[in-house]
N, C-alpha and C. Protein backbone atom coordinates (compact mmCIF):
# COMPACT_ATOMS: atom_id res chain seq x y z
N MET A 1 27.16 6.88 -52.85
CA MET A 1 26.68 7.48 -54.09
C MET A 1 27.83 8.06 -54.88
N ALA A 2 28.80 8.65 -54.18
CA ALA A 2 29.96 9.22 -54.87
C ALA A 2 30.79 8.12 -55.52
N ALA A 3 30.92 6.96 -54.84
CA ALA A 3 31.69 5.84 -55.39
C ALA A 3 31.01 5.28 -56.62
N ARG A 4 29.68 5.16 -56.57
CA ARG A 4 28.96 4.68 -57.75
C ARG A 4 29.10 5.65 -58.91
N GLY A 5 29.09 6.93 -58.62
CA GLY A 5 29.25 7.93 -59.68
C GLY A 5 30.60 7.82 -60.36
N ARG A 6 31.62 7.40 -59.62
CA ARG A 6 32.95 7.21 -60.21
C ARG A 6 33.12 5.83 -60.82
N GLY A 7 32.05 4.98 -60.69
CA GLY A 7 32.11 3.63 -61.25
C GLY A 7 32.76 2.61 -60.34
N GLU A 8 32.95 2.95 -59.07
CA GLU A 8 33.54 2.02 -58.12
C GLU A 8 32.45 1.28 -57.36
N LYS A 9 32.87 0.19 -56.71
CA LYS A 9 31.93 -0.58 -55.93
C LYS A 9 31.61 0.17 -54.63
N ALA A 10 30.31 0.21 -54.26
CA ALA A 10 29.88 0.92 -53.05
C ALA A 10 30.29 0.13 -51.81
N VAL A 11 30.71 0.84 -50.76
CA VAL A 11 31.14 0.23 -49.51
C VAL A 11 30.09 0.56 -48.43
N TYR A 12 29.53 -0.51 -47.82
CA TYR A 12 28.53 -0.33 -46.76
C TYR A 12 29.17 -0.66 -45.42
N LYS A 13 28.97 0.21 -44.44
CA LYS A 13 29.47 -0.03 -43.09
C LYS A 13 28.25 -0.14 -42.16
N PRO A 14 27.77 -1.38 -41.93
CA PRO A 14 26.58 -1.52 -41.08
C PRO A 14 26.87 -1.22 -39.61
N ILE A 15 28.09 -1.39 -39.16
CA ILE A 15 28.43 -1.09 -37.78
C ILE A 15 29.26 0.18 -37.75
N ARG A 16 28.58 1.23 -37.26
CA ARG A 16 29.23 2.52 -37.10
C ARG A 16 29.14 2.92 -35.63
N SER A 17 29.77 3.98 -35.26
CA SER A 17 29.76 4.41 -33.86
C SER A 17 28.33 4.73 -33.40
N ARG A 18 27.51 5.30 -34.24
CA ARG A 18 26.13 5.62 -33.88
C ARG A 18 25.33 4.34 -33.63
N THR A 19 25.55 3.30 -34.43
CA THR A 19 24.86 2.03 -34.24
C THR A 19 25.24 1.41 -32.89
N ILE A 20 26.50 1.46 -32.54
CA ILE A 20 26.95 0.93 -31.26
C ILE A 20 26.35 1.74 -30.11
N TYR A 21 26.34 3.06 -30.23
CA TYR A 21 25.77 3.92 -29.19
C TYR A 21 24.29 3.59 -28.97
N TYR A 22 23.50 3.50 -30.01
CA TYR A 22 22.07 3.20 -29.87
C TYR A 22 21.84 1.79 -29.32
N GLY A 23 22.66 0.83 -29.70
CA GLY A 23 22.54 -0.53 -29.17
C GLY A 23 22.82 -0.58 -27.67
N VAL A 24 23.86 0.12 -27.23
CA VAL A 24 24.19 0.16 -25.80
C VAL A 24 23.09 0.89 -25.03
N ALA A 25 22.60 2.00 -25.55
CA ALA A 25 21.53 2.74 -24.88
C ALA A 25 20.27 1.88 -24.77
N LEU A 26 19.91 1.17 -25.82
CA LEU A 26 18.74 0.30 -25.79
C LEU A 26 18.91 -0.83 -24.78
N ALA A 27 20.10 -1.40 -24.69
CA ALA A 27 20.36 -2.49 -23.73
C ALA A 27 20.27 -1.97 -22.30
N ILE A 28 20.78 -0.77 -22.03
CA ILE A 28 20.72 -0.20 -20.67
C ILE A 28 19.28 0.09 -20.28
N VAL A 29 18.52 0.72 -21.15
CA VAL A 29 17.13 1.04 -20.85
C VAL A 29 16.32 -0.24 -20.66
N SER A 30 16.53 -1.23 -21.49
CA SER A 30 15.83 -2.51 -21.36
C SER A 30 16.17 -3.19 -20.04
N GLY A 31 17.43 -3.17 -19.66
CA GLY A 31 17.85 -3.77 -18.40
C GLY A 31 17.23 -3.09 -17.20
N VAL A 32 17.17 -1.75 -17.21
CA VAL A 32 16.56 -1.00 -16.11
C VAL A 32 15.07 -1.31 -16.03
N MET A 33 14.38 -1.39 -17.15
CA MET A 33 12.95 -1.70 -17.15
C MET A 33 12.68 -3.11 -16.64
N ILE A 34 13.47 -4.08 -17.06
CA ILE A 34 13.28 -5.45 -16.60
C ILE A 34 13.54 -5.54 -15.10
N TRP A 35 14.58 -4.88 -14.61
CA TRP A 35 14.86 -4.86 -13.18
C TRP A 35 13.71 -4.21 -12.41
N GLY A 36 13.18 -3.09 -12.92
CA GLY A 36 12.08 -2.40 -12.26
C GLY A 36 10.83 -3.26 -12.18
N PHE A 37 10.48 -3.94 -13.24
CA PHE A 37 9.31 -4.81 -13.23
C PHE A 37 9.50 -6.01 -12.30
N SER A 38 10.72 -6.51 -12.23
CA SER A 38 10.95 -7.67 -11.35
C SER A 38 10.95 -7.28 -9.88
N GLN A 39 11.25 -6.03 -9.55
CA GLN A 39 11.27 -5.57 -8.16
C GLN A 39 9.95 -4.97 -7.70
N ARG A 40 9.00 -4.85 -8.58
CA ARG A 40 7.71 -4.22 -8.28
C ARG A 40 6.90 -5.08 -7.31
N GLN A 41 6.32 -4.43 -6.30
CA GLN A 41 5.47 -5.13 -5.36
C GLN A 41 4.12 -5.41 -6.00
N VAL A 42 3.59 -6.59 -5.72
CA VAL A 42 2.31 -6.98 -6.30
C VAL A 42 1.15 -6.30 -5.57
N ILE A 43 1.31 -6.10 -4.24
CA ILE A 43 0.27 -5.42 -3.47
C ILE A 43 0.89 -4.24 -2.74
N ASP A 44 0.07 -3.23 -2.51
CA ASP A 44 0.53 -2.03 -1.82
C ASP A 44 -0.56 -1.58 -0.87
N LEU A 45 -0.17 -1.04 0.27
CA LEU A 45 -1.13 -0.62 1.29
C LEU A 45 -0.74 0.75 1.82
N HIS A 46 -1.69 1.66 1.82
CA HIS A 46 -1.53 2.98 2.43
C HIS A 46 -2.65 3.16 3.44
N VAL A 47 -2.31 3.62 4.63
CA VAL A 47 -3.29 3.82 5.69
C VAL A 47 -3.37 5.30 5.99
N LEU A 48 -4.58 5.85 5.86
CA LEU A 48 -4.82 7.26 6.15
C LEU A 48 -5.76 7.36 7.35
N ARG A 49 -5.29 7.99 8.42
CA ARG A 49 -6.11 8.14 9.62
C ARG A 49 -7.04 9.34 9.43
N ASP A 50 -8.29 9.19 9.90
CA ASP A 50 -9.22 10.30 9.84
C ASP A 50 -8.68 11.46 10.67
N ARG A 51 -8.76 12.65 10.12
CA ARG A 51 -8.22 13.80 10.82
C ARG A 51 -9.28 14.56 11.61
N ASN A 52 -10.53 14.40 11.25
CA ASN A 52 -11.56 15.14 11.97
C ASN A 52 -12.83 14.31 12.01
N PRO A 53 -13.26 13.80 13.10
CA PRO A 53 -12.63 13.86 14.42
C PRO A 53 -11.48 12.88 14.51
N THR A 54 -10.50 13.21 15.34
CA THR A 54 -9.33 12.34 15.47
C THR A 54 -9.67 11.04 16.16
N PHE A 55 -10.62 11.08 17.09
CA PHE A 55 -11.11 9.86 17.74
C PHE A 55 -12.52 10.15 18.23
N VAL A 56 -13.26 9.08 18.51
CA VAL A 56 -14.63 9.21 19.02
C VAL A 56 -14.73 8.35 20.28
N ARG A 57 -15.26 8.96 21.35
CA ARG A 57 -15.53 8.20 22.58
C ARG A 57 -16.97 7.72 22.48
N LEU A 58 -17.16 6.40 22.46
CA LEU A 58 -18.47 5.81 22.31
C LEU A 58 -19.23 5.83 23.63
N HIS A 59 -20.52 5.51 23.60
CA HIS A 59 -21.37 5.58 24.79
C HIS A 59 -20.90 4.66 25.92
N ASP A 60 -20.22 3.57 25.59
CA ASP A 60 -19.72 2.67 26.63
C ASP A 60 -18.31 3.02 27.09
N GLY A 61 -17.75 4.13 26.60
CA GLY A 61 -16.42 4.59 26.99
C GLY A 61 -15.31 4.12 26.07
N ALA A 62 -15.61 3.24 25.14
CA ALA A 62 -14.60 2.75 24.19
C ALA A 62 -14.17 3.89 23.27
N ILE A 63 -12.96 3.77 22.74
CA ILE A 63 -12.40 4.78 21.83
C ILE A 63 -12.35 4.18 20.43
N ARG A 64 -12.86 4.95 19.46
CA ARG A 64 -12.87 4.49 18.06
C ARG A 64 -12.13 5.48 17.20
N ASN A 65 -11.23 4.97 16.36
CA ASN A 65 -10.51 5.75 15.35
C ASN A 65 -10.95 5.27 13.99
N GLY A 66 -11.07 6.18 13.04
CA GLY A 66 -11.42 5.83 11.67
C GLY A 66 -10.22 5.90 10.76
N TYR A 67 -10.15 4.99 9.82
CA TYR A 67 -9.04 4.93 8.87
C TYR A 67 -9.60 4.65 7.47
N THR A 68 -8.86 5.09 6.47
CA THR A 68 -9.12 4.70 5.09
C THR A 68 -7.91 3.92 4.61
N LEU A 69 -8.13 2.69 4.19
CA LEU A 69 -7.06 1.86 3.67
C LEU A 69 -7.14 1.87 2.15
N LYS A 70 -6.05 2.21 1.51
CA LYS A 70 -5.98 2.16 0.05
C LYS A 70 -5.14 0.95 -0.33
N ILE A 71 -5.81 -0.03 -0.93
CA ILE A 71 -5.18 -1.30 -1.27
C ILE A 71 -5.04 -1.38 -2.77
N SER A 72 -3.81 -1.55 -3.24
CA SER A 72 -3.54 -1.67 -4.67
C SER A 72 -3.16 -3.10 -5.00
N ASN A 73 -3.86 -3.68 -5.97
CA ASN A 73 -3.55 -5.01 -6.47
C ASN A 73 -2.92 -4.84 -7.84
N ARG A 74 -1.61 -4.97 -7.93
CA ARG A 74 -0.91 -4.79 -9.20
C ARG A 74 -0.66 -6.11 -9.91
N GLY A 75 -1.29 -7.16 -9.42
CA GLY A 75 -1.16 -8.48 -10.02
C GLY A 75 -2.12 -8.65 -11.18
N PHE A 76 -2.16 -9.87 -11.71
CA PHE A 76 -2.97 -10.17 -12.87
C PHE A 76 -4.22 -10.96 -12.54
N GLU A 77 -4.47 -11.20 -11.25
CA GLU A 77 -5.66 -11.96 -10.85
C GLU A 77 -6.30 -11.31 -9.63
N THR A 78 -7.59 -11.55 -9.46
CA THR A 78 -8.33 -11.02 -8.33
C THR A 78 -7.78 -11.62 -7.04
N LYS A 79 -7.59 -10.79 -6.02
CA LYS A 79 -7.05 -11.26 -4.75
C LYS A 79 -7.99 -10.87 -3.62
N THR A 80 -8.11 -11.78 -2.65
CA THR A 80 -8.86 -11.51 -1.44
C THR A 80 -7.85 -11.34 -0.31
N PHE A 81 -7.91 -10.19 0.33
CA PHE A 81 -6.96 -9.83 1.37
C PHE A 81 -7.64 -9.90 2.74
N THR A 82 -6.86 -10.22 3.76
CA THR A 82 -7.33 -10.10 5.13
C THR A 82 -6.58 -8.93 5.76
N VAL A 83 -7.32 -8.12 6.51
CA VAL A 83 -6.75 -6.95 7.16
C VAL A 83 -6.78 -7.19 8.66
N ASP A 84 -5.66 -6.95 9.30
CA ASP A 84 -5.56 -7.10 10.75
C ASP A 84 -4.78 -5.91 11.29
N VAL A 85 -4.99 -5.60 12.56
CA VAL A 85 -4.27 -4.50 13.20
C VAL A 85 -3.61 -5.01 14.47
N ALA A 86 -2.37 -4.58 14.69
CA ALA A 86 -1.64 -4.94 15.90
C ALA A 86 -1.19 -3.66 16.58
N GLY A 87 -0.93 -3.75 17.88
CA GLY A 87 -0.46 -2.58 18.62
C GLY A 87 -1.54 -1.91 19.45
N VAL A 88 -2.80 -2.24 19.18
CA VAL A 88 -3.92 -1.72 19.95
C VAL A 88 -4.52 -2.90 20.72
N PRO A 89 -4.41 -2.90 22.06
CA PRO A 89 -4.90 -4.04 22.83
C PRO A 89 -6.40 -4.25 22.65
N HIS A 90 -6.80 -5.49 22.47
CA HIS A 90 -8.20 -5.90 22.33
C HIS A 90 -8.92 -5.11 21.23
N ALA A 91 -8.23 -4.83 20.15
CA ALA A 91 -8.83 -4.03 19.08
C ALA A 91 -9.95 -4.78 18.38
N GLN A 92 -11.01 -4.06 18.09
CA GLN A 92 -12.11 -4.59 17.30
C GLN A 92 -12.11 -3.84 15.98
N LEU A 93 -12.21 -4.58 14.88
CA LEU A 93 -12.26 -3.98 13.55
C LEU A 93 -13.69 -3.99 13.05
N LYS A 94 -14.02 -2.94 12.32
CA LYS A 94 -15.39 -2.83 11.80
C LYS A 94 -15.36 -1.98 10.54
N THR A 95 -16.11 -2.39 9.56
CA THR A 95 -16.33 -1.53 8.40
C THR A 95 -17.71 -0.89 8.57
N PRO A 96 -17.92 0.29 8.04
CA PRO A 96 -19.23 0.94 8.22
C PRO A 96 -20.36 0.04 7.73
N GLY A 97 -21.38 -0.12 8.57
CA GLY A 97 -22.54 -0.93 8.23
C GLY A 97 -22.40 -2.40 8.58
N ALA A 98 -21.26 -2.81 9.15
CA ALA A 98 -21.06 -4.21 9.52
C ALA A 98 -20.88 -4.31 11.03
N ASP A 99 -20.98 -5.53 11.54
CA ASP A 99 -20.77 -5.76 12.96
C ASP A 99 -19.28 -5.76 13.27
N ALA A 100 -18.94 -5.38 14.51
CA ALA A 100 -17.55 -5.40 14.94
C ALA A 100 -17.06 -6.83 15.06
N THR A 101 -15.80 -7.05 14.71
CA THR A 101 -15.23 -8.38 14.79
C THR A 101 -13.92 -8.32 15.58
N HIS A 102 -13.57 -9.40 16.22
CA HIS A 102 -12.28 -9.50 16.89
C HIS A 102 -11.26 -10.10 15.93
N GLY A 103 -11.72 -10.58 14.81
CA GLY A 103 -10.84 -11.22 13.83
C GLY A 103 -10.50 -10.28 12.69
N ASP A 104 -10.20 -10.87 11.57
CA ASP A 104 -9.76 -10.11 10.41
C ASP A 104 -10.95 -9.65 9.57
N ILE A 105 -10.71 -8.61 8.82
CA ILE A 105 -11.65 -8.11 7.83
C ILE A 105 -11.14 -8.60 6.47
N THR A 106 -12.03 -9.07 5.59
CA THR A 106 -11.60 -9.51 4.26
C THR A 106 -12.05 -8.49 3.22
N VAL A 107 -11.17 -8.26 2.24
CA VAL A 107 -11.42 -7.30 1.17
C VAL A 107 -10.97 -7.94 -0.14
N THR A 108 -11.81 -7.85 -1.16
CA THR A 108 -11.46 -8.38 -2.48
C THR A 108 -11.15 -7.22 -3.42
N VAL A 109 -10.02 -7.32 -4.11
CA VAL A 109 -9.58 -6.27 -5.03
C VAL A 109 -9.31 -6.90 -6.39
N GLU A 110 -9.89 -6.31 -7.41
CA GLU A 110 -9.70 -6.78 -8.78
C GLU A 110 -8.27 -6.50 -9.25
N PRO A 111 -7.79 -7.19 -10.30
CA PRO A 111 -6.43 -6.95 -10.78
C PRO A 111 -6.27 -5.54 -11.35
N ASN A 112 -5.09 -4.98 -11.13
CA ASN A 112 -4.73 -3.64 -11.60
C ASN A 112 -5.70 -2.56 -11.13
N GLU A 113 -6.18 -2.70 -9.91
CA GLU A 113 -7.08 -1.70 -9.35
C GLU A 113 -6.65 -1.34 -7.94
N THR A 114 -7.09 -0.16 -7.51
CA THR A 114 -6.89 0.30 -6.15
C THR A 114 -8.25 0.47 -5.52
N ARG A 115 -8.41 -0.08 -4.31
CA ARG A 115 -9.69 0.01 -3.63
C ARG A 115 -9.50 0.72 -2.29
N ALA A 116 -10.36 1.68 -2.03
CA ALA A 116 -10.35 2.38 -0.74
C ALA A 116 -11.39 1.74 0.17
N VAL A 117 -10.98 1.41 1.39
CA VAL A 117 -11.85 0.74 2.34
C VAL A 117 -11.85 1.55 3.64
N ARG A 118 -13.04 1.90 4.12
CA ARG A 118 -13.17 2.57 5.42
C ARG A 118 -13.13 1.50 6.50
N LEU A 119 -12.44 1.81 7.59
CA LEU A 119 -12.27 0.85 8.66
C LEU A 119 -12.27 1.59 9.99
N PHE A 120 -12.99 1.04 10.96
CA PHE A 120 -12.99 1.59 12.31
C PHE A 120 -12.25 0.62 13.22
N VAL A 121 -11.35 1.16 14.05
CA VAL A 121 -10.64 0.37 15.05
C VAL A 121 -11.10 0.88 16.41
N THR A 122 -11.62 -0.03 17.23
CA THR A 122 -12.16 0.35 18.53
C THR A 122 -11.37 -0.34 19.64
N ALA A 123 -10.96 0.46 20.65
CA ALA A 123 -10.27 -0.07 21.83
C ALA A 123 -11.24 -0.04 23.00
N ARG A 124 -11.19 -1.06 23.84
CA ARG A 124 -12.11 -1.15 24.97
C ARG A 124 -11.88 -0.02 25.96
N ALA A 125 -12.92 0.33 26.72
CA ALA A 125 -12.85 1.40 27.69
C ALA A 125 -12.00 1.03 28.89
N ASP A 126 -11.98 -0.25 29.26
CA ASP A 126 -11.25 -0.64 30.46
C ASP A 126 -9.75 -0.82 30.23
N ASP A 127 -9.29 -0.70 28.99
CA ASP A 127 -7.86 -0.76 28.71
C ASP A 127 -7.24 0.58 29.07
N ASP A 128 -6.12 0.54 29.80
CA ASP A 128 -5.41 1.77 30.17
C ASP A 128 -4.40 2.06 29.06
N ASN A 129 -4.88 2.71 28.01
CA ASN A 129 -4.05 2.97 26.83
C ASN A 129 -3.32 4.29 26.96
N ALA A 130 -2.16 4.35 26.35
CA ALA A 130 -1.42 5.61 26.28
C ALA A 130 -2.17 6.54 25.33
N ASP A 131 -1.76 7.80 25.33
CA ASP A 131 -2.42 8.79 24.48
C ASP A 131 -2.31 8.41 23.00
N ASN A 132 -1.13 7.97 22.57
CA ASN A 132 -0.89 7.54 21.19
C ASN A 132 -0.36 6.11 21.20
N LEU A 133 -0.94 5.28 20.36
CA LEU A 133 -0.46 3.91 20.21
C LEU A 133 -0.02 3.70 18.77
N ALA A 134 1.07 2.97 18.61
CA ALA A 134 1.53 2.64 17.25
C ALA A 134 0.69 1.48 16.74
N ALA A 135 -0.08 1.74 15.71
CA ALA A 135 -0.93 0.71 15.11
C ALA A 135 -0.25 0.20 13.85
N LEU A 136 -0.17 -1.12 13.74
CA LEU A 136 0.45 -1.74 12.57
C LEU A 136 -0.61 -2.54 11.83
N PHE A 137 -0.95 -2.08 10.64
CA PHE A 137 -1.95 -2.74 9.81
C PHE A 137 -1.24 -3.76 8.94
N THR A 138 -1.79 -4.98 8.89
CA THR A 138 -1.20 -6.06 8.11
C THR A 138 -2.22 -6.52 7.07
N LEU A 139 -1.76 -6.62 5.84
CA LEU A 139 -2.59 -7.05 4.71
C LEU A 139 -1.99 -8.35 4.19
N LYS A 140 -2.80 -9.43 4.14
CA LYS A 140 -2.29 -10.74 3.70
C LYS A 140 -3.19 -11.31 2.61
N SER A 141 -2.54 -11.95 1.65
CA SER A 141 -3.23 -12.72 0.63
C SER A 141 -2.31 -13.86 0.23
N GLY A 142 -2.65 -15.05 0.70
CA GLY A 142 -1.78 -16.20 0.43
C GLY A 142 -0.43 -16.00 1.08
N ASP A 143 0.64 -16.05 0.28
CA ASP A 143 1.98 -15.87 0.84
C ASP A 143 2.46 -14.41 0.75
N LEU A 144 1.61 -13.51 0.26
CA LEU A 144 1.97 -12.09 0.17
C LEU A 144 1.53 -11.37 1.44
N THR A 145 2.42 -10.56 2.01
CA THR A 145 2.11 -9.79 3.20
C THR A 145 2.69 -8.39 3.07
N VAL A 146 1.88 -7.39 3.39
CA VAL A 146 2.32 -5.99 3.39
C VAL A 146 1.86 -5.36 4.69
N GLN A 147 2.71 -4.50 5.26
CA GLN A 147 2.36 -3.82 6.50
C GLN A 147 2.50 -2.31 6.33
N ALA A 148 1.67 -1.58 7.08
CA ALA A 148 1.74 -0.12 7.08
C ALA A 148 1.49 0.37 8.50
N LYS A 149 2.23 1.38 8.91
CA LYS A 149 2.11 1.92 10.26
C LYS A 149 1.19 3.13 10.27
N SER A 150 0.53 3.31 11.40
CA SER A 150 -0.29 4.49 11.64
C SER A 150 -0.31 4.73 13.14
N THR A 151 -1.14 5.65 13.57
CA THR A 151 -1.26 5.99 14.98
C THR A 151 -2.70 5.83 15.42
N PHE A 152 -2.89 5.25 16.60
CA PHE A 152 -4.21 5.16 17.22
C PHE A 152 -4.24 6.16 18.36
N LEU A 153 -5.15 7.12 18.28
CA LEU A 153 -5.28 8.13 19.32
C LEU A 153 -6.34 7.68 20.32
N SER A 154 -5.96 7.57 21.58
CA SER A 154 -6.90 7.07 22.59
C SER A 154 -7.61 8.17 23.33
N GLY A 155 -7.14 9.39 23.22
CA GLY A 155 -7.77 10.47 23.96
C GLY A 155 -7.48 10.44 25.43
N ALA A 156 -6.44 9.73 25.85
CA ALA A 156 -6.12 9.61 27.28
C ALA A 156 -5.80 10.95 27.90
N ALA A 157 -5.11 11.82 27.18
CA ALA A 157 -4.77 13.14 27.71
C ALA A 157 -6.03 13.96 27.92
N ASN A 158 -6.96 13.90 26.97
CA ASN A 158 -8.21 14.66 27.10
C ASN A 158 -9.09 14.10 28.21
N HIS A 159 -9.10 12.79 28.38
CA HIS A 159 -9.94 12.17 29.40
C HIS A 159 -9.40 12.47 30.79
N ASP A 160 -8.07 12.42 30.96
CA ASP A 160 -7.46 12.66 32.27
C ASP A 160 -7.65 14.10 32.72
N SER A 161 -7.68 15.05 31.79
CA SER A 161 -7.80 16.45 32.16
C SER A 161 -9.20 16.77 32.69
N ARG A 162 -10.21 15.94 32.38
CA ARG A 162 -11.56 16.18 32.85
C ARG A 162 -11.81 15.59 34.24
N ASP A 163 -10.95 14.68 34.69
CA ASP A 163 -11.15 14.02 35.98
C ASP A 163 -10.78 14.91 37.15
């Protein structure tokens, strides 16, 4: 404006230090966001063991632990997952209101949703289990697999003290 007031031609500097600073900042933030989205897991699994009661001794002597599985589907399509548990010998899986199975439990989760599923894991009475067993829950859908660790309490210490 001062140059025009003096009758001189105006000089425009489109590239200034502030323009370079904002361009570099925008490139860094964009790069971090793209990296974060590319590293994001499509499925997530959290296993919460029931705290009260910690375990239940059934009428046939079997031990049952209750868990809540929180399954997050961060993908763009509905997925059907199979849930399996390892680390507990002869484990039977059961959801409330369903029959016990020796195989997998299937759960369907809509895209961009988290679903909580109650699950009972039962160990046979004739298995000589330790007081605490490391239970590994596996969630599979196609080629995607996620695992989460928890503990299976057998009540062996409580049972032995009564004998």
